[in-house]
Amino acid sequence: MGIKKNSLHAGSFFVWRICAEIVKKMLKIYIFCFILL
């Protein structure tokens, strides 16, 4: 049970990191477009 819980926690952390990277890229694109327009 403990191992499964640990892997689940690591998996959600990994997903959270990917989401954070996507948000950063989206913000950069949004700011870039805002400056151009």
C-alpha atoms as a PDB file:
ATOM      1  CA  MET A   1       0.000   0.000   0.000  1.00  0.00           C
ATOM      2  CA  GLY A   2       2.818   2.401   0.916  1.00  0.00           C
ATOM      3  CA  ILE A   3       4.660   1.811  -2.364  1.00  0.00           C
ATOM      4  CA  LYS A   4       1.507   2.430  -4.401  1.00  0.00           C
ATOM      5  CA  LYS A   5       0.818   5.656  -2.496  1.00  0.00           C
ATOM      6  CA  ASN A   6       4.397   6.833  -3.074  1.00  0.00           C
ATOM      7  CA  SER A   7       4.276   6.155  -6.820  1.00  0.00           C
ATOM      8  CA  LEU A   8       0.903   7.914  -7.038  1.00  0.00           C
ATOM      9  CA  HIS A   9       2.353  10.964  -5.254  1.00  0.00           C
ATOM     10  CA  ALA A  10       5.384  10.983  -7.567  1.00  0.00           C
ATOM     11  CA  GLY A  11       3.095  10.676 -10.592  1.00  0.00           C
ATOM     12  CA  SER A  12       0.907  13.607  -9.557  1.00  0.00           C
ATOM     13  CA  PHE A  13       4.040  15.688  -8.862  1.00  0.00           C
ATOM     14  CA  PHE A  14       5.331  14.839 -12.359  1.00  0.00           C
ATOM     15  CA  VAL A  15       2.002  15.876 -13.922  1.00  0.00           C
ATOM     16  CA  TRP A  16       2.040  19.100 -11.866  1.00  0.00           C
ATOM     17  CA  ARG A  17       5.543  19.889 -13.182  1.00  0.00           C
ATOM     18  CA  ILE A  18       4.442  19.333 -16.797  1.00  0.00           C
ATOM     19  CA  CYS A  19       1.410  21.597 -16.228  1.00  0.00           C
ATOM     20  CA  ALA A  20       3.658  24.282 -14.722  1.00  0.00           C
ATOM     21  CA  GLU A  21       5.968  24.140 -17.775  1.00  0.00           C
ATOM     22  CA  ILE A  22       2.987  24.439 -20.155  1.00  0.00           C
ATOM     23  CA  VAL A  23       1.628  27.424 -18.186  1.00  0.00           C
ATOM     24  CA  LYS A  24       5.049  29.141 -18.345  1.00  0.00           C
ATOM     25  CA  LYS A  25       5.214  28.664 -22.124  1.00  0.00           C
ATOM     26  CA  MET A  26       1.642  29.922 -22.543  1.00  0.00           C
ATOM     27  CA  LEU A  27       2.411  33.000 -20.435  1.00  0.00           C
ATOM     28  CA  LYS A  28       5.545  33.741 -22.502  1.00  0.00           C
ATOM     29  CA  ILE A  29       3.548  33.494 -25.748  1.00  0.00           C
ATOM     30  CA  TYR A  30       0.739  35.632 -24.289  1.00  0.00           C
ATOM     31  CA  ILE A  31       3.165  38.352 -23.115  1.00  0.00           C
ATOM     32  CA  PHE A  32       5.013  38.237 -26.461  1.00  0.00           C
ATOM     33  CA  CYS A  33       1.738  38.688 -28.408  1.00  0.00           C
ATOM     34  CA  PHE A  34       0.624  41.452 -26.022  1.00  0.00           C
ATOM     35  CA  ILE A  35       3.893  43.363 -26.650  1.00  0.00           C
ATOM     36  CA  LEU A  36       3.584  42.921 -30.436  1.00  0.00           C
ATOM     37  CA  LEU A  37      -0.048  44.087 -30.486  1.00  0.00           C
END
